[in-house]
Amino acid sequence: MKYATLIYIKPGSHDTDITEEEHAALSAEYAALRQEPQCVGGGHLQPVETATTVRADLITDGPFADTKEVFAGYFVIEADNLDEALKFAQRIPAVRLGGGVEVRPLFEVPGEE
């Protein structure tokens, strides 16, 4: 089954008070997870300030509301079950840096891999 791991970070957690070497190490951790065989896709989003929100009656620049965490990226993984998907998610650096990872199963679409 495929799972989406939706990565939420605390604003500034990946760039405040860390050295260039620490930032490079974090980037390497994310890249290593992306290269694992069970990871079938993923992406790193531009900063939340670049977002535009569309609603039925409104289009606004930036995030809809100030929050303590922002959606920063995602991995799509293959896992036999939720426990396996959670083990992968626990290794995402955002978790130890005060953010969180939401794990959600994807709908299976017949004929789609």
Protein backbone atom coordinates (compact mmCIF):
# COMPACT_ATOMS: atom_id res chain seq x y z
CA MET A 1 0.00 0.00 0.00
CA LYS A 2 1.15 3.55 -0.66
CA TYR A 3 1.28 6.12 2.12
CA ALA A 4 1.83 9.86 2.00
CA THR A 5 4.09 11.22 4.71
CA LEU A 6 3.19 14.90 4.96
CA ILE A 7 6.03 16.83 6.59
CA TYR A 8 5.22 19.80 8.83
CA ILE A 9 8.08 21.88 10.21
CA LYS A 10 8.30 24.57 12.85
CA PRO A 11 9.14 27.80 11.01
CA GLY A 12 12.86 28.42 11.27
CA SER A 13 13.66 24.99 12.70
CA HIS A 14 15.75 24.04 9.69
CA ASP A 15 17.72 27.26 9.42
CA THR A 16 17.82 29.07 12.77
CA ASP A 17 20.84 28.55 14.99
CA ILE A 18 22.34 25.79 12.87
CA THR A 19 25.68 25.88 11.13
CA GLU A 20 26.20 25.43 7.41
CA GLU A 21 27.53 21.94 8.13
CA GLU A 22 24.43 21.04 10.17
CA HIS A 23 22.19 22.32 7.37
CA ALA A 24 24.11 20.20 4.86
CA ALA A 25 23.74 17.16 7.13
CA LEU A 26 19.96 17.72 7.38
CA SER A 27 19.69 18.00 3.61
CA ALA A 28 21.67 14.79 3.26
CA GLU A 29 19.27 13.00 5.64
CA TYR A 30 16.26 14.02 3.56
CA ALA A 31 18.05 13.03 0.34
CA ALA A 32 18.98 9.62 1.80
CA LEU A 33 15.35 8.93 2.74
CA ARG A 34 14.29 9.91 -0.80
CA GLN A 35 16.72 7.34 -2.23
CA GLU A 36 15.41 4.41 -0.17
CA PRO A 37 13.66 1.74 -2.25
CA GLN A 38 10.35 2.09 -0.39
CA CYS A 39 10.21 5.82 -1.25
CA VAL A 40 8.44 6.20 -4.61
CA GLY A 41 8.15 9.99 -4.73
CA GLY A 42 8.41 13.18 -2.83
CA GLY A 43 8.98 16.87 -2.93
CA HIS A 44 10.28 19.84 -0.98
CA LEU A 45 8.01 22.86 -1.07
CA GLN A 46 9.09 26.48 -1.47
CA PRO A 47 8.64 28.60 1.72
CA VAL A 48 5.09 29.23 2.91
CA GLU A 49 5.45 32.90 2.00
CA THR A 50 5.31 31.87 -1.68
CA ALA A 51 1.93 30.13 -1.27
CA THR A 52 -1.36 31.31 -2.71
CA THR A 53 -4.57 29.94 -1.20
CA VAL A 54 -7.70 29.43 -3.32
CA ARG A 55 -11.14 29.20 -1.72
CA ALA A 56 -14.61 29.38 -3.27
CA ASP A 57 -14.89 33.12 -2.68
CA LEU A 58 -11.32 34.27 -2.10
CA ILE A 59 -7.73 34.06 -3.35
CA THR A 60 -5.02 35.20 -0.92
CA ASP A 61 -1.24 35.37 -0.98
CA GLY A 62 0.65 33.49 1.68
CA PRO A 63 -0.66 31.00 4.21
CA PHE A 64 -4.30 31.07 5.18
CA ALA A 65 -3.50 31.58 8.86
CA ASP A 66 -0.48 31.81 11.08
CA THR A 67 0.23 28.38 12.51
CA LYS A 68 2.98 26.94 14.63
CA GLU A 69 3.87 24.44 11.88
CA VAL A 70 3.87 24.72 8.10
CA PHE A 71 3.59 22.07 5.39
CA ALA A 72 7.10 21.80 3.95
CA GLY A 73 7.18 18.66 1.83
CA TYR A 74 6.24 15.04 1.48
CA PHE A 75 7.35 11.54 0.62
CA VAL A 76 5.18 8.88 -0.96
CA ILE A 77 6.26 5.46 0.25
CA GLU A 78 5.33 1.82 -0.24
CA ALA A 79 4.73 -0.02 3.03
CA ASP A 80 3.12 -3.33 3.95
CA ASN A 81 1.19 -1.72 6.80
CA LEU A 82 0.79 1.42 8.89
CA ASP A 83 3.43 0.34 11.42
CA GLU A 84 6.03 0.11 8.66
CA ALA A 85 5.00 3.52 7.32
CA LEU A 86 5.27 5.01 10.82
CA LYS A 87 8.81 3.66 11.23
CA PHE A 88 9.79 5.48 8.04
CA ALA A 89 8.06 8.68 9.20
CA GLN A 90 9.83 8.66 12.57
CA ARG A 91 13.17 8.94 10.74
CA ILE A 92 12.25 12.20 8.98
CA PRO A 93 14.37 14.99 10.52
CA ALA A 94 11.41 17.36 11.00
CA VAL A 95 10.14 15.08 13.79
CA ARG A 96 13.17 15.56 16.02
CA LEU A 97 13.26 19.29 15.20
CA GLY A 98 9.85 19.91 16.75
CA GLY A 99 7.68 19.41 13.68
CA GLY A 100 5.49 16.50 12.77
CA VAL A 101 4.72 14.04 10.02
CA GLU A 102 1.17 13.07 9.11
CA VAL A 103 0.95 9.57 7.63
CA ARG A 104 -2.04 8.84 5.42
CA PRO A 105 -2.80 5.89 3.16
CA LEU A 106 -3.47 6.72 -0.46
CA PHE A 107 -6.48 5.40 -2.32
CA GLU A 108 -5.59 2.57 -4.63
CA VAL A 109 -6.61 3.42 -8.20
CA PRO A 110 -7.16 0.34 -10.39
CA GLY A 111 -4.60 0.19 -13.20
CA GLU A 112 -2.34 2.79 -11.58
CA GLU A 113 0.98 1.87 -10.04
